[in-house]
Amino acid sequence: MVIEKVSIIGLGAVGCTVAPYIISYLPEKNVRIIAGGKRKERLEQNGIIVNNTLIEKLNATKKL
């Protein structure tokens, strides 16, 4: 079996850890991050940040 598309629901501690690996493995159009409210706004503006380090800058129009 080959994983072709992935949706990540929320980016808490685990999601922030695995998302960059998934994003680097699959084509950008096949990865979707599902977030809402203030978290969505922060991700669109800042990308994925863990311990004050930018992990992944997201293309918000395609991924959120």
N, C-alpha and C. Protein backbone atom coordinates (compact mmCIF):
# COMPACT_ATOMS: atom_id res chain seq x y z
N MET A 1 0.84 -1.17 0.00
CA MET A 1 0.00 0.00 0.00
C MET A 1 0.89 1.24 0.00
N VAL A 2 0.49 2.22 -0.79
CA VAL A 2 1.21 3.48 -0.87
C VAL A 2 0.29 4.59 -0.39
N ILE A 3 0.78 5.40 0.53
CA ILE A 3 0.00 6.54 1.02
C ILE A 3 0.21 7.68 0.03
N GLU A 4 -0.89 8.17 -0.53
CA GLU A 4 -0.81 9.21 -1.55
C GLU A 4 -1.28 10.57 -1.07
N LYS A 5 -2.26 10.58 -0.16
CA LYS A 5 -2.80 11.84 0.36
C LYS A 5 -2.95 11.74 1.87
N VAL A 6 -2.68 12.87 2.57
CA VAL A 6 -2.76 12.89 4.03
C VAL A 6 -3.45 14.18 4.46
N SER A 7 -4.35 14.07 5.43
CA SER A 7 -4.92 15.23 6.11
C SER A 7 -4.51 15.13 7.58
N ILE A 8 -3.94 16.21 8.10
CA ILE A 8 -3.52 16.25 9.49
C ILE A 8 -4.53 17.13 10.22
N ILE A 9 -5.20 16.56 11.21
CA ILE A 9 -6.22 17.29 11.95
C ILE A 9 -5.57 17.91 13.18
N GLY A 10 -5.47 19.23 13.15
CA GLY A 10 -4.87 19.96 14.26
C GLY A 10 -3.36 19.81 14.26
N LEU A 11 -2.70 20.76 14.80
CA LEU A 11 -1.24 20.71 14.91
C LEU A 11 -0.86 20.98 16.35
N GLY A 12 -1.10 19.99 17.20
CA GLY A 12 -0.64 20.06 18.58
C GLY A 12 0.79 19.57 18.64
N ALA A 13 1.19 19.03 19.74
CA ALA A 13 2.57 18.57 19.92
C ALA A 13 2.95 17.49 18.92
N VAL A 14 2.10 16.49 18.75
CA VAL A 14 2.41 15.40 17.84
C VAL A 14 2.32 15.86 16.38
N GLY A 15 1.27 16.59 16.05
CA GLY A 15 1.10 17.07 14.69
C GLY A 15 2.25 17.95 14.22
N CYS A 16 2.73 18.82 15.10
CA CYS A 16 3.87 19.69 14.76
C CYS A 16 5.14 18.89 14.56
N THR A 17 5.24 17.76 15.21
CA THR A 17 6.43 16.92 15.08
C THR A 17 6.41 16.14 13.77
N VAL A 18 5.28 15.58 13.40
CA VAL A 18 5.23 14.72 12.21
C VAL A 18 4.93 15.48 10.92
N ALA A 19 4.27 16.62 11.00
CA ALA A 19 3.87 17.36 9.79
C ALA A 19 5.04 17.67 8.86
N PRO A 20 6.17 18.18 9.33
CA PRO A 20 7.26 18.49 8.40
C PRO A 20 7.76 17.26 7.63
N TYR A 21 7.77 16.11 8.27
CA TYR A 21 8.20 14.88 7.59
C TYR A 21 7.21 14.48 6.51
N ILE A 22 5.93 14.57 6.83
CA ILE A 22 4.91 14.23 5.85
C ILE A 22 4.95 15.22 4.69
N ILE A 23 5.08 16.50 5.01
CA ILE A 23 5.13 17.54 3.97
C ILE A 23 6.33 17.33 3.05
N SER A 24 7.45 16.91 3.59
CA SER A 24 8.64 16.70 2.75
C SER A 24 8.56 15.42 1.93
N TYR A 25 7.73 14.46 2.37
CA TYR A 25 7.64 13.17 1.69
C TYR A 25 6.64 13.19 0.53
N LEU A 26 5.51 13.85 0.72
CA LEU A 26 4.45 13.86 -0.28
C LEU A 26 4.44 15.17 -1.06
N PRO A 27 3.90 15.15 -2.27
CA PRO A 27 3.73 16.42 -3.00
C PRO A 27 2.83 17.37 -2.21
N GLU A 28 3.13 18.64 -2.28
CA GLU A 28 2.42 19.65 -1.49
C GLU A 28 0.91 19.56 -1.69
N LYS A 29 0.47 19.29 -2.91
CA LYS A 29 -0.97 19.25 -3.18
C LYS A 29 -1.67 18.07 -2.50
N ASN A 30 -0.90 17.11 -2.00
CA ASN A 30 -1.47 15.91 -1.38
C ASN A 30 -1.47 15.96 0.15
N VAL A 31 -1.07 17.09 0.72
CA VAL A 31 -1.06 17.23 2.19
C VAL A 31 -2.00 18.37 2.57
N ARG A 32 -2.89 18.09 3.49
CA ARG A 32 -3.82 19.11 3.96
C ARG A 32 -3.76 19.15 5.48
N ILE A 33 -3.64 20.36 6.01
CA ILE A 33 -3.67 20.56 7.46
C ILE A 33 -5.01 21.19 7.78
N ILE A 34 -5.75 20.53 8.67
CA ILE A 34 -7.08 21.00 9.04
C ILE A 34 -6.97 21.74 10.37
N ALA A 35 -7.28 23.02 10.34
CA ALA A 35 -7.21 23.85 11.55
C ALA A 35 -8.27 24.94 11.42
N GLY A 36 -8.66 25.49 12.53
CA GLY A 36 -9.65 26.55 12.51
C GLY A 36 -9.35 27.61 13.54
N GLY A 37 -10.09 28.70 13.45
CA GLY A 37 -10.00 29.76 14.45
C GLY A 37 -8.64 30.42 14.53
N LYS A 38 -8.24 30.73 15.76
CA LYS A 38 -6.98 31.43 15.98
C LYS A 38 -5.76 30.58 15.59
N ARG A 39 -5.86 29.27 15.78
CA ARG A 39 -4.74 28.40 15.39
C ARG A 39 -4.52 28.48 13.88
N LYS A 40 -5.58 28.47 13.11
CA LYS A 40 -5.47 28.59 11.65
C LYS A 40 -4.79 29.91 11.27
N GLU A 41 -5.22 30.98 11.92
CA GLU A 41 -4.62 32.29 11.65
C GLU A 41 -3.13 32.29 11.96
N ARG A 42 -2.74 31.70 13.11
CA ARG A 42 -1.32 31.66 13.48
C ARG A 42 -0.51 30.82 12.49
N LEU A 43 -1.06 29.69 12.07
CA LEU A 43 -0.35 28.85 11.12
C LEU A 43 -0.18 29.55 9.77
N GLU A 44 -1.21 30.25 9.34
CA GLU A 44 -1.13 30.98 8.07
C GLU A 44 -0.07 32.08 8.13
N GLN A 45 -0.01 32.77 9.26
CA GLN A 45 0.93 33.89 9.40
C GLN A 45 2.34 33.43 9.70
N ASN A 46 2.49 32.42 10.59
CA ASN A 46 3.80 32.09 11.13
C ASN A 46 4.36 30.75 10.69
N GLY A 47 3.55 29.86 10.17
CA GLY A 47 4.00 28.51 9.87
C GLY A 47 4.01 27.67 11.14
N ILE A 48 4.67 26.52 11.07
CA ILE A 48 4.76 25.62 12.23
C ILE A 48 5.97 26.03 13.06
N ILE A 49 5.72 26.40 14.31
CA ILE A 49 6.80 26.83 15.21
C ILE A 49 6.79 25.93 16.45
N VAL A 50 7.94 25.36 16.76
CA VAL A 50 8.11 24.52 17.95
C VAL A 50 9.28 25.08 18.74
N ASN A 51 9.06 25.40 20.02
CA ASN A 51 10.11 25.96 20.88
C ASN A 51 10.80 27.15 20.23
N ASN A 52 9.99 28.06 19.71
CA ASN A 52 10.47 29.29 19.06
C ASN A 52 11.33 29.05 17.83
N THR A 53 11.23 27.88 17.22
CA THR A 53 11.97 27.57 16.00
C THR A 53 11.00 27.29 14.86
N LEU A 54 11.17 27.97 13.73
CA LEU A 54 10.32 27.73 12.57
C LEU A 54 10.65 26.36 12.00
N ILE A 55 9.66 25.48 11.99
CA ILE A 55 9.84 24.12 11.49
C ILE A 55 9.44 24.05 10.03
N GLU A 56 8.36 24.67 9.66
CA GLU A 56 7.85 24.61 8.29
C GLU A 56 7.02 25.84 8.01
N LYS A 57 7.35 26.55 6.92
CA LYS A 57 6.51 27.67 6.48
C LYS A 57 5.46 27.10 5.55
N LEU A 58 4.21 27.33 5.83
CA LEU A 58 3.12 26.72 5.08
C LEU A 58 2.63 27.64 3.97
N ASN A 59 2.22 27.02 2.89
CA ASN A 59 1.51 27.74 1.84
C ASN A 59 0.04 27.68 2.24
N ALA A 60 -0.42 28.70 2.91
CA ALA A 60 -1.75 28.66 3.56
C ALA A 60 -2.88 28.45 2.56
N THR A 61 -2.74 28.96 1.36
CA THR A 61 -3.85 28.82 0.42
C THR A 61 -4.04 27.37 -0.02
N LYS A 62 -3.00 26.57 0.03
CA LYS A 62 -3.11 25.19 -0.40
C LYS A 62 -3.25 24.21 0.75
N LYS A 63 -2.80 24.57 1.94
CA LYS A 63 -2.72 23.58 3.01
C LYS A 63 -3.71 23.78 4.14
N LEU A 64 -4.28 24.93 4.30
CA LEU A 64 -5.19 25.12 5.43
C LEU A 64 -6.61 25.26 4.94
